[in-house]
Every structure is written in structure tokens, then in C-alpha cells.
Amino acid sequence: MRFLSLDGNNTASTLQLLSTAGLLLTVTEIDSYVQEVVMEFYANLPDGEEGDQLAYFVFVRGNMYEFSPAIINQMFQLPNPPYPLNMSKIKVPESMDEVDVARSNSKANSWKMLTSRLLSPEIALLNKICCHNWMPTVNRSVLKPERVTLVYMMAKALPFNFGKLIFDEI
């Protein structure tokens, strides 16, 4: 995870988008962590015990800890809206082509034409944050439909369950 730099080009408008979406704390108030504890969590995650309501209990440092979308939302002071259990949590009625035209300020007229260079500066910064913090990847120049749709949803202030998104990513 990375902090959002509060200085630089397009930061103010990106901060506004994050604030409207309720996700500002996910990039400005990240608590420190101990890498060894995180690695132990990931190592023990496959052996975790399934609880009710999509909760897992994972053994870390001699204790069982709950890991669930509700806990993630609580940590970032976000609401915990209901979500479809077996469906994508990132979904919009528009086609990918319509989403891409909107995110590129009409520079790309189809999904096949969209590149990271065509994104508006605010959306490019949101995409970068998405690639670092929410849907991590090592190849930040590749635009994946899920990331582009998430950024679109944030820009349009469409609701989604952030905890479920992160839970599914992990």
C-alpha cells in the first residue's frame, strides 16, 4: 500500500473524487504494519476456518483473527452495504466501450483503443492508486476491465462494497 501524496498535479480533484466515494482514508490514513505478521497471515490464510457471512478466521501469532469484508469496512470507517455473494461487486450497466469513452474524455471510442496515456489526469491518478492499494499489480500500464470499471464507479459516485472488493482480492 502507498500513501497518496498531498502535493502535485491533479491531487486536489483526485482527493475530491476519493472523498466523495468515501475512500480517502484508504490512501491517506494507512496504519503501519509488520511485514512478518502480514506474511504469516497470508501463509495461514489457506488453512483458515470459514465462519458465517463470508468471514474467515486466520491463525496469526498464536491467536485466531476474523478476516471479513465487514472488518475491512470497519477499519476504514466505511459502510457495509449488502452485496451479491456469487456476482461481481464491480459492475455497471454501461458497456466497457461507454466506460472507456467517459474515462478518456472521448479520446478513445472503444475498449481496444484505451491506453493509460489517454486517461484524464485525475483518472490516471485514481488508476495508479487502484494499482497500488486496492487491486495490486506489477504492471501498472495495463488497463484491466475491473480496474477501469472501479475507477469509473468512483468518478460517478456509484456505490460498491469496498470491504468485499479487498476481501476478494486477497
N, C-alpha and C. Protein backbone atom coordinates (compact mmCIF):
# COMPACT_ATOMS: atom_id res chain seq x y z
N MET A 1 0.83 -1.17 0.00
CA MET A 1 0.00 0.00 0.00
C MET A 1 0.88 1.24 0.00
N ARG A 2 0.38 2.28 -0.60
CA ARG A 2 1.10 3.54 -0.66
C ARG A 2 0.20 4.67 -0.21
N PHE A 3 0.83 5.69 0.35
CA PHE A 3 0.11 6.90 0.71
C PHE A 3 -0.09 7.77 -0.52
N LEU A 4 -1.16 8.52 -0.54
CA LEU A 4 -1.40 9.49 -1.59
C LEU A 4 -0.63 10.75 -1.24
N SER A 5 0.23 11.19 -2.12
CA SER A 5 0.95 12.43 -1.92
C SER A 5 -0.04 13.58 -2.00
N LEU A 6 0.01 14.48 -1.02
CA LEU A 6 -0.95 15.57 -0.99
C LEU A 6 -0.49 16.79 -1.79
N ASP A 7 0.60 16.67 -2.48
CA ASP A 7 1.03 17.75 -3.35
C ASP A 7 1.22 17.18 -4.75
N GLY A 8 1.23 18.03 -5.73
CA GLY A 8 1.41 17.55 -7.09
C GLY A 8 0.21 17.88 -7.94
N ASN A 9 0.37 17.64 -9.22
CA ASN A 9 -0.68 17.95 -10.19
C ASN A 9 -1.89 17.05 -9.98
N ASN A 10 -3.05 17.63 -10.13
CA ASN A 10 -4.33 16.91 -10.13
C ASN A 10 -4.69 16.25 -8.80
N THR A 11 -3.92 16.53 -7.75
CA THR A 11 -4.20 15.88 -6.48
C THR A 11 -5.50 16.38 -5.88
N ALA A 12 -5.77 17.67 -5.97
CA ALA A 12 -6.98 18.23 -5.36
C ALA A 12 -8.24 17.60 -5.95
N SER A 13 -8.32 17.47 -7.25
CA SER A 13 -9.51 16.89 -7.86
C SER A 13 -9.60 15.39 -7.56
N THR A 14 -8.47 14.72 -7.48
CA THR A 14 -8.47 13.30 -7.14
C THR A 14 -8.89 13.11 -5.69
N LEU A 15 -8.40 13.99 -4.79
CA LEU A 15 -8.81 13.94 -3.40
C LEU A 15 -10.32 14.12 -3.28
N GLN A 16 -10.88 15.01 -4.08
CA GLN A 16 -12.32 15.23 -4.06
C GLN A 16 -13.07 13.97 -4.50
N LEU A 17 -12.59 13.31 -5.56
CA LEU A 17 -13.22 12.07 -6.01
C LEU A 17 -13.14 10.99 -4.93
N LEU A 18 -11.98 10.88 -4.28
CA LEU A 18 -11.81 9.89 -3.22
C LEU A 18 -12.71 10.21 -2.03
N SER A 19 -12.82 11.47 -1.70
CA SER A 19 -13.65 11.89 -0.58
C SER A 19 -15.13 11.60 -0.88
N THR A 20 -15.57 11.93 -2.07
CA THR A 20 -16.97 11.67 -2.46
C THR A 20 -17.28 10.18 -2.41
N ALA A 21 -16.32 9.36 -2.83
CA ALA A 21 -16.50 7.91 -2.81
C ALA A 21 -16.34 7.32 -1.41
N GLY A 22 -15.85 8.14 -0.46
CA GLY A 22 -15.64 7.66 0.90
C GLY A 22 -14.36 6.87 1.08
N LEU A 23 -13.46 6.95 0.12
CA LEU A 23 -12.25 6.12 0.15
C LEU A 23 -10.97 6.90 0.49
N LEU A 24 -11.11 8.12 0.94
CA LEU A 24 -9.93 8.93 1.24
C LEU A 24 -9.04 8.28 2.30
N LEU A 25 -9.65 7.69 3.33
CA LEU A 25 -8.86 7.05 4.38
C LEU A 25 -8.05 5.87 3.87
N THR A 26 -8.45 5.27 2.76
CA THR A 26 -7.73 4.11 2.25
C THR A 26 -6.40 4.49 1.60
N VAL A 27 -6.17 5.78 1.41
CA VAL A 27 -4.90 6.21 0.81
C VAL A 27 -4.20 7.29 1.62
N THR A 28 -4.83 7.79 2.68
CA THR A 28 -4.17 8.83 3.48
C THR A 28 -3.94 8.42 4.93
N GLU A 29 -4.65 7.43 5.41
CA GLU A 29 -4.57 7.03 6.82
C GLU A 29 -4.22 5.55 6.95
N ILE A 30 -3.19 5.13 6.28
CA ILE A 30 -2.80 3.72 6.33
C ILE A 30 -1.91 3.50 7.54
N ASP A 31 -2.32 2.58 8.41
CA ASP A 31 -1.53 2.28 9.60
C ASP A 31 -0.28 1.51 9.21
N SER A 32 0.76 1.66 10.04
CA SER A 32 1.98 0.89 9.79
C SER A 32 1.70 -0.59 10.08
N TYR A 33 2.53 -1.44 9.56
CA TYR A 33 2.35 -2.87 9.74
C TYR A 33 3.71 -3.53 9.85
N VAL A 34 3.69 -4.76 10.35
CA VAL A 34 4.91 -5.56 10.48
C VAL A 34 4.85 -6.60 9.36
N GLN A 35 5.81 -6.54 8.46
CA GLN A 35 5.78 -7.38 7.27
C GLN A 35 5.74 -8.87 7.63
N GLU A 36 6.45 -9.28 8.66
CA GLU A 36 6.45 -10.69 9.03
C GLU A 36 5.06 -11.17 9.46
N VAL A 37 4.29 -10.30 10.13
CA VAL A 37 2.93 -10.66 10.56
C VAL A 37 2.03 -10.79 9.33
N VAL A 38 2.17 -9.88 8.39
CA VAL A 38 1.38 -9.94 7.16
C VAL A 38 1.70 -11.23 6.40
N MET A 39 2.97 -11.57 6.29
CA MET A 39 3.38 -12.79 5.60
C MET A 39 2.83 -14.03 6.31
N GLU A 40 2.82 -14.01 7.64
CA GLU A 40 2.26 -15.14 8.39
C GLU A 40 0.76 -15.25 8.12
N PHE A 41 0.07 -14.11 8.06
CA PHE A 41 -1.36 -14.12 7.73
C PHE A 41 -1.58 -14.78 6.38
N TYR A 42 -0.84 -14.34 5.36
CA TYR A 42 -1.00 -14.92 4.02
C TYR A 42 -0.65 -16.40 4.00
N ALA A 43 0.38 -16.78 4.74
CA ALA A 43 0.78 -18.19 4.78
C ALA A 43 -0.31 -19.05 5.43
N ASN A 44 -1.00 -18.51 6.42
CA ASN A 44 -2.02 -19.27 7.14
C ASN A 44 -3.42 -19.12 6.55
N LEU A 45 -3.61 -18.22 5.61
CA LEU A 45 -4.93 -17.96 5.04
C LEU A 45 -5.57 -19.21 4.41
N PRO A 46 -4.82 -20.02 3.66
CA PRO A 46 -5.46 -21.22 3.07
C PRO A 46 -5.97 -22.21 4.11
N ASP A 47 -5.40 -22.18 5.32
CA ASP A 47 -5.83 -23.08 6.39
C ASP A 47 -6.83 -22.43 7.33
N GLY A 48 -7.27 -21.23 6.98
CA GLY A 48 -8.23 -20.51 7.83
C GLY A 48 -9.54 -21.27 7.93
N GLU A 49 -10.29 -20.94 8.98
CA GLU A 49 -11.57 -21.59 9.22
C GLU A 49 -12.67 -20.68 8.72
N GLU A 50 -13.58 -21.24 7.94
CA GLU A 50 -14.67 -20.45 7.39
C GLU A 50 -15.74 -20.24 8.45
N GLY A 51 -16.16 -18.98 8.58
CA GLY A 51 -17.23 -18.64 9.50
C GLY A 51 -18.49 -18.33 8.73
N ASP A 52 -19.43 -17.68 9.37
CA ASP A 52 -20.67 -17.31 8.69
C ASP A 52 -20.48 -15.94 8.01
N GLN A 53 -21.35 -15.64 7.06
CA GLN A 53 -21.36 -14.34 6.37
C GLN A 53 -20.01 -14.00 5.73
N LEU A 54 -19.40 -14.95 5.07
CA LEU A 54 -18.16 -14.74 4.33
C LEU A 54 -17.01 -14.27 5.22
N ALA A 55 -16.95 -14.78 6.42
CA ALA A 55 -15.87 -14.46 7.34
C ALA A 55 -14.92 -15.64 7.43
N TYR A 56 -13.64 -15.33 7.52
CA TYR A 56 -12.63 -16.35 7.76
C TYR A 56 -11.98 -16.05 9.10
N PHE A 57 -11.49 -17.09 9.73
CA PHE A 57 -10.72 -16.92 10.95
C PHE A 57 -9.35 -17.48 10.67
N VAL A 58 -8.35 -16.63 10.81
CA VAL A 58 -6.98 -16.98 10.43
C VAL A 58 -6.11 -16.94 11.68
N PHE A 59 -5.28 -17.97 11.82
CA PHE A 59 -4.37 -18.10 12.95
C PHE A 59 -3.12 -17.27 12.69
N VAL A 60 -2.84 -16.30 13.55
CA VAL A 60 -1.65 -15.46 13.43
C VAL A 60 -1.09 -15.21 14.82
N ARG A 61 0.17 -15.52 15.00
CA ARG A 61 0.88 -15.28 16.26
C ARG A 61 0.15 -15.84 17.48
N GLY A 62 -0.38 -17.03 17.32
CA GLY A 62 -1.00 -17.73 18.45
C GLY A 62 -2.45 -17.40 18.70
N ASN A 63 -3.06 -16.58 17.87
CA ASN A 63 -4.46 -16.22 18.05
C ASN A 63 -5.22 -16.35 16.73
N MET A 64 -6.54 -16.56 16.85
CA MET A 64 -7.40 -16.58 15.68
C MET A 64 -7.98 -15.18 15.49
N TYR A 65 -7.89 -14.67 14.26
CA TYR A 65 -8.41 -13.34 13.95
C TYR A 65 -9.43 -13.45 12.83
N GLU A 66 -10.50 -12.65 12.96
CA GLU A 66 -11.52 -12.62 11.92
C GLU A 66 -11.01 -11.79 10.75
N PHE A 67 -11.26 -12.29 9.56
CA PHE A 67 -10.96 -11.59 8.32
C PHE A 67 -12.21 -11.62 7.48
N SER A 68 -12.82 -10.46 7.26
CA SER A 68 -14.09 -10.41 6.54
C SER A 68 -14.27 -9.04 5.89
N PRO A 69 -15.17 -8.94 4.92
CA PRO A 69 -15.48 -7.63 4.33
C PRO A 69 -15.94 -6.62 5.38
N ALA A 70 -16.73 -7.08 6.36
CA ALA A 70 -17.22 -6.17 7.40
C ALA A 70 -16.07 -5.58 8.22
N ILE A 71 -15.07 -6.40 8.55
CA ILE A 71 -13.91 -5.92 9.32
C ILE A 71 -13.11 -4.91 8.50
N ILE A 72 -12.94 -5.18 7.22
CA ILE A 72 -12.20 -4.25 6.34
C ILE A 72 -12.94 -2.92 6.26
N ASN A 73 -14.25 -2.96 6.06
CA ASN A 73 -15.03 -1.71 6.01
C ASN A 73 -14.96 -0.96 7.34
N GLN A 74 -15.02 -1.68 8.43
CA GLN A 74 -14.94 -1.05 9.75
C GLN A 74 -13.59 -0.36 9.94
N MET A 75 -12.53 -1.01 9.50
CA MET A 75 -11.19 -0.44 9.64
C MET A 75 -11.05 0.90 8.93
N PHE A 76 -11.72 1.04 7.77
CA PHE A 76 -11.63 2.29 7.01
C PHE A 76 -12.86 3.18 7.21
N GLN A 77 -13.66 2.88 8.25
CA GLN A 77 -14.83 3.69 8.59
C GLN A 77 -15.80 3.82 7.41
N LEU A 78 -16.02 2.71 6.72
CA LEU A 78 -16.91 2.68 5.57
C LEU A 78 -18.18 1.92 5.91
N PRO A 79 -19.28 2.22 5.22
CA PRO A 79 -20.50 1.43 5.43
C PRO A 79 -20.28 0.01 4.92
N ASN A 80 -21.13 -0.88 5.37
CA ASN A 80 -21.04 -2.28 4.94
C ASN A 80 -22.33 -2.67 4.24
N PRO A 81 -22.53 -2.15 3.01
CA PRO A 81 -23.78 -2.45 2.30
C PRO A 81 -23.83 -3.91 1.88
N PRO A 82 -25.04 -4.43 1.68
CA PRO A 82 -25.15 -5.82 1.21
C PRO A 82 -24.55 -5.95 -0.19
N TYR A 83 -24.16 -7.15 -0.52
CA TYR A 83 -23.54 -7.42 -1.82
C TYR A 83 -23.96 -8.80 -2.28
N PRO A 84 -23.99 -9.00 -3.58
CA PRO A 84 -24.33 -10.34 -4.10
C PRO A 84 -23.17 -11.30 -3.83
N LEU A 85 -23.47 -12.43 -3.25
CA LEU A 85 -22.41 -13.36 -2.86
C LEU A 85 -21.68 -13.98 -4.05
N ASN A 86 -22.38 -14.30 -5.12
CA ASN A 86 -21.75 -15.01 -6.23
C ASN A 86 -21.62 -14.17 -7.49
N MET A 87 -21.69 -12.86 -7.34
CA MET A 87 -21.60 -11.99 -8.51
C MET A 87 -20.46 -11.00 -8.32
N SER A 88 -20.05 -10.40 -9.41
CA SER A 88 -19.02 -9.38 -9.35
C SER A 88 -19.53 -8.18 -8.55
N LYS A 89 -18.69 -7.66 -7.70
CA LYS A 89 -19.07 -6.49 -6.92
C LYS A 89 -18.80 -5.20 -7.68
N ILE A 90 -18.07 -5.29 -8.78
CA ILE A 90 -17.75 -4.14 -9.61
C ILE A 90 -18.48 -4.32 -10.93
N LYS A 91 -19.64 -3.70 -11.03
CA LYS A 91 -20.45 -3.88 -12.23
C LYS A 91 -21.26 -2.62 -12.48
N VAL A 92 -21.33 -2.21 -13.73
CA VAL A 92 -22.11 -1.05 -14.13
C VAL A 92 -22.97 -1.44 -15.33
N PRO A 93 -24.08 -0.74 -15.56
CA PRO A 93 -24.93 -1.08 -16.70
C PRO A 93 -24.32 -0.70 -18.05
N GLU A 94 -23.41 0.26 -18.04
CA GLU A 94 -22.79 0.70 -19.29
C GLU A 94 -21.85 -0.37 -19.84
N SER A 95 -21.65 -0.35 -21.15
CA SER A 95 -20.68 -1.27 -21.77
C SER A 95 -19.27 -0.77 -21.49
N MET A 96 -18.28 -1.64 -21.68
CA MET A 96 -16.89 -1.23 -21.49
C MET A 96 -16.52 -0.09 -22.44
N ASP A 97 -17.06 -0.10 -23.64
CA ASP A 97 -16.77 0.99 -24.58
C ASP A 97 -17.28 2.32 -24.04
N GLU A 98 -18.49 2.32 -23.47
CA GLU A 98 -19.05 3.55 -22.90
C GLU A 98 -18.23 4.02 -21.70
N VAL A 99 -17.80 3.09 -20.87
CA VAL A 99 -16.97 3.43 -19.72
C VAL A 99 -15.66 4.04 -20.19
N ASP A 100 -15.05 3.46 -21.20
CA ASP A 100 -13.76 3.94 -21.68
C ASP A 100 -13.83 5.30 -22.33
N VAL A 101 -14.89 5.56 -23.06
CA VAL A 101 -15.08 6.89 -23.66
C VAL A 101 -15.15 7.92 -22.54
N ALA A 102 -15.88 7.61 -21.49
CA ALA A 102 -16.03 8.55 -20.37
C ALA A 102 -14.71 8.77 -19.64
N ARG A 103 -13.94 7.72 -19.42
CA ARG A 103 -12.68 7.84 -18.66
C ARG A 103 -11.57 8.52 -19.47
N SER A 104 -11.67 8.50 -20.78
CA SER A 104 -10.61 9.09 -21.62
C SER A 104 -10.99 10.47 -22.15
N ASN A 105 -12.08 11.05 -21.64
CA ASN A 105 -12.56 12.34 -22.17
C ASN A 105 -12.80 12.26 -23.67
N SER A 106 -13.39 11.15 -24.11
CA SER A 106 -13.76 10.90 -25.52
C SER A 106 -12.56 10.76 -26.46
N LYS A 107 -11.36 10.51 -25.93
CA LYS A 107 -10.18 10.29 -26.77
C LYS A 107 -10.14 8.86 -27.31
N ALA A 108 -10.75 7.94 -26.57
CA ALA A 108 -10.84 6.55 -27.03
C ALA A 108 -12.32 6.23 -27.23
N ASN A 109 -12.66 5.62 -28.34
CA ASN A 109 -14.07 5.32 -28.57
C ASN A 109 -14.39 3.84 -28.41
N SER A 110 -13.42 3.06 -27.96
CA SER A 110 -13.68 1.65 -27.69
C SER A 110 -12.66 1.13 -26.69
N TRP A 111 -12.99 -0.02 -26.09
CA TRP A 111 -12.09 -0.65 -25.13
C TRP A 111 -10.74 -0.95 -25.75
N LYS A 112 -10.72 -1.38 -27.00
CA LYS A 112 -9.47 -1.74 -27.67
C LYS A 112 -8.55 -0.55 -27.87
N MET A 113 -9.09 0.65 -27.93
CA MET A 113 -8.28 1.85 -28.16
C MET A 113 -7.75 2.49 -26.88
N LEU A 114 -8.32 2.13 -25.73
CA LEU A 114 -7.96 2.79 -24.48
C LEU A 114 -6.57 2.37 -24.01
N THR A 115 -5.75 3.36 -23.70
CA THR A 115 -4.45 3.14 -23.07
C THR A 115 -4.36 4.06 -21.88
N SER A 116 -3.43 3.80 -20.98
CA SER A 116 -3.29 4.64 -19.79
C SER A 116 -2.93 6.08 -20.15
N ARG A 117 -2.30 6.29 -21.29
CA ARG A 117 -1.94 7.66 -21.71
C ARG A 117 -3.17 8.48 -22.06
N LEU A 118 -4.28 7.85 -22.42
CA LEU A 118 -5.49 8.56 -22.81
C LEU A 118 -6.39 8.93 -21.63
N LEU A 119 -6.08 8.43 -20.44
CA LEU A 119 -6.90 8.75 -19.28
C LEU A 119 -6.71 10.20 -18.88
N SER A 120 -7.77 10.82 -18.37
CA SER A 120 -7.63 12.18 -17.87
C SER A 120 -6.67 12.14 -16.67
N PRO A 121 -6.02 13.25 -16.34
CA PRO A 121 -5.03 13.23 -15.24
C PRO A 121 -5.60 12.73 -13.91
N GLU A 122 -6.82 13.13 -13.57
CA GLU A 122 -7.41 12.69 -12.31
C GLU A 122 -7.67 11.19 -12.33
N ILE A 123 -8.19 10.72 -13.44
CA ILE A 123 -8.49 9.29 -13.57
C ILE A 123 -7.20 8.48 -13.61
N ALA A 124 -6.17 9.00 -14.26
CA ALA A 124 -4.87 8.31 -14.28
C ALA A 124 -4.32 8.16 -12.86
N LEU A 125 -4.47 9.20 -12.03
CA LEU A 125 -4.00 9.10 -10.65
C LEU A 125 -4.85 8.11 -9.86
N LEU A 126 -6.16 8.11 -10.07
CA LEU A 126 -7.01 7.10 -9.42
C LEU A 126 -6.63 5.69 -9.85
N ASN A 127 -6.32 5.52 -11.13
CA ASN A 127 -5.89 4.22 -11.62
C ASN A 127 -4.59 3.79 -10.95
N LYS A 128 -3.68 4.73 -10.78
CA LYS A 128 -2.40 4.43 -10.12
C LYS A 128 -2.63 4.01 -8.67
N ILE A 129 -3.52 4.73 -7.98
CA ILE A 129 -3.85 4.37 -6.61
C ILE A 129 -4.48 2.98 -6.57
N CYS A 130 -5.37 2.73 -7.50
CA CYS A 130 -6.03 1.42 -7.59
C CYS A 130 -4.99 0.31 -7.78
N CYS A 131 -4.01 0.55 -8.64
CA CYS A 131 -2.98 -0.45 -8.92
C CYS A 131 -2.05 -0.68 -7.72
N HIS A 132 -1.87 0.34 -6.88
CA HIS A 132 -1.00 0.20 -5.71
C HIS A 132 -1.75 -0.32 -4.49
N ASN A 133 -2.98 0.17 -4.26
CA ASN A 133 -3.63 -0.05 -2.98
C ASN A 133 -4.80 -1.03 -2.98
N TRP A 134 -5.61 -1.05 -4.05
CA TRP A 134 -6.86 -1.81 -3.97
C TRP A 134 -6.83 -3.08 -4.79
N MET A 135 -6.28 -3.02 -5.99
CA MET A 135 -6.19 -4.18 -6.87
C MET A 135 -4.74 -4.24 -7.36
N PRO A 136 -3.83 -4.64 -6.48
CA PRO A 136 -2.40 -4.54 -6.79
C PRO A 136 -1.97 -5.32 -8.04
N THR A 137 -1.01 -4.72 -8.72
CA THR A 137 -0.42 -5.33 -9.90
C THR A 137 0.99 -4.80 -10.05
N VAL A 138 1.84 -5.55 -10.72
CA VAL A 138 3.18 -5.07 -11.00
C VAL A 138 3.23 -4.34 -12.34
N ASN A 139 2.25 -4.58 -13.18
CA ASN A 139 2.20 -3.93 -14.49
C ASN A 139 1.12 -2.86 -14.47
N ARG A 140 1.50 -1.67 -14.06
CA ARG A 140 0.54 -0.60 -13.85
C ARG A 140 0.10 0.10 -15.13
N SER A 141 0.68 -0.22 -16.25
CA SER A 141 0.28 0.42 -17.50
C SER A 141 -0.82 -0.37 -18.23
N VAL A 142 -1.04 -1.62 -17.80
CA VAL A 142 -2.09 -2.43 -18.42
C VAL A 142 -3.41 -2.09 -17.76
N LEU A 143 -4.40 -1.78 -18.57
CA LEU A 143 -5.72 -1.45 -18.07
C LEU A 143 -6.59 -2.70 -18.09
N LYS A 144 -7.04 -3.12 -16.92
CA LYS A 144 -7.91 -4.28 -16.82
C LYS A 144 -9.34 -3.78 -16.64
N PRO A 145 -10.30 -4.51 -17.20
CA PRO A 145 -11.70 -4.07 -17.11
C PRO A 145 -12.18 -3.80 -15.68
N GLU A 146 -11.78 -4.64 -14.72
CA GLU A 146 -12.23 -4.45 -13.34
C GLU A 146 -11.71 -3.15 -12.76
N ARG A 147 -10.44 -2.82 -13.02
CA ARG A 147 -9.87 -1.57 -12.50
C ARG A 147 -10.52 -0.36 -13.16
N VAL A 148 -10.67 -0.40 -14.47
CA VAL A 148 -11.27 0.72 -15.18
C VAL A 148 -12.72 0.92 -14.71
N THR A 149 -13.44 -0.16 -14.50
CA THR A 149 -14.82 -0.07 -14.03
C THR A 149 -14.87 0.50 -12.61
N LEU A 150 -13.95 0.06 -11.74
CA LEU A 150 -13.90 0.59 -10.38
C LEU A 150 -13.64 2.09 -10.39
N VAL A 151 -12.69 2.52 -11.17
CA VAL A 151 -12.37 3.95 -11.26
C VAL A 151 -13.57 4.72 -11.81
N TYR A 152 -14.24 4.15 -12.79
CA TYR A 152 -15.44 4.76 -13.35
C TYR A 152 -16.51 4.91 -12.27
N MET A 153 -16.72 3.85 -11.49
CA MET A 153 -17.71 3.90 -10.43
C MET A 153 -17.38 4.98 -9.40
N MET A 154 -16.11 5.12 -9.07
CA MET A 154 -15.71 6.15 -8.13
C MET A 154 -15.96 7.54 -8.70
N ALA A 155 -15.59 7.75 -9.95
CA ALA A 155 -15.78 9.05 -10.59
C ALA A 155 -17.25 9.42 -10.69
N LYS A 156 -18.11 8.42 -10.86
CA LYS A 156 -19.56 8.65 -10.96
C LYS A 156 -20.27 8.55 -9.61
N ALA A 157 -19.50 8.32 -8.54
CA ALA A 157 -20.04 8.18 -7.19
C ALA A 157 -21.06 7.06 -7.10
N LEU A 158 -20.80 5.95 -7.79
CA LEU A 158 -21.67 4.78 -7.73
C LEU A 158 -21.26 3.92 -6.52
N PRO A 159 -22.19 3.43 -5.75
CA PRO A 159 -21.86 2.68 -4.54
C PRO A 159 -21.31 1.28 -4.84
N PHE A 160 -20.43 0.83 -3.98
CA PHE A 160 -19.94 -0.54 -4.02
C PHE A 160 -19.41 -0.88 -2.64
N ASN A 161 -19.23 -2.15 -2.37
CA ASN A 161 -18.75 -2.60 -1.07
C ASN A 161 -17.23 -2.74 -1.13
N PHE A 162 -16.52 -1.78 -0.56
CA PHE A 162 -15.06 -1.77 -0.60
C PHE A 162 -14.47 -2.98 0.12
N GLY A 163 -15.04 -3.32 1.27
CA GLY A 163 -14.53 -4.47 2.02
C GLY A 163 -14.62 -5.76 1.23
N LYS A 164 -15.72 -5.93 0.52
CA LYS A 164 -15.88 -7.13 -0.33
C LYS A 164 -14.84 -7.13 -1.46
N LEU A 165 -14.61 -5.97 -2.04
CA LEU A 165 -13.61 -5.86 -3.11
C LEU A 165 -12.24 -6.32 -2.60
N ILE A 166 -11.81 -5.79 -1.47
CA ILE A 166 -10.49 -6.12 -0.91
C ILE A 166 -10.46 -7.57 -0.45
N PHE A 167 -11.51 -8.03 0.18
CA PHE A 167 -11.60 -9.42 0.63
C PHE A 167 -11.40 -10.36 -0.56
N ASP A 168 -12.11 -10.10 -1.66
CA ASP A 168 -11.99 -10.94 -2.85
C ASP A 168 -10.60 -10.85 -3.47
N GLU A 169 -9.98 -9.68 -3.43
CA GLU A 169 -8.63 -9.54 -3.98
C GLU A 169 -7.64 -10.38 -3.19
N ILE A 170 -7.78 -10.38 -1.87
CA ILE A 170 -6.85 -11.13 -1.01
C ILE A 170 -7.16 -12.61 -1.13
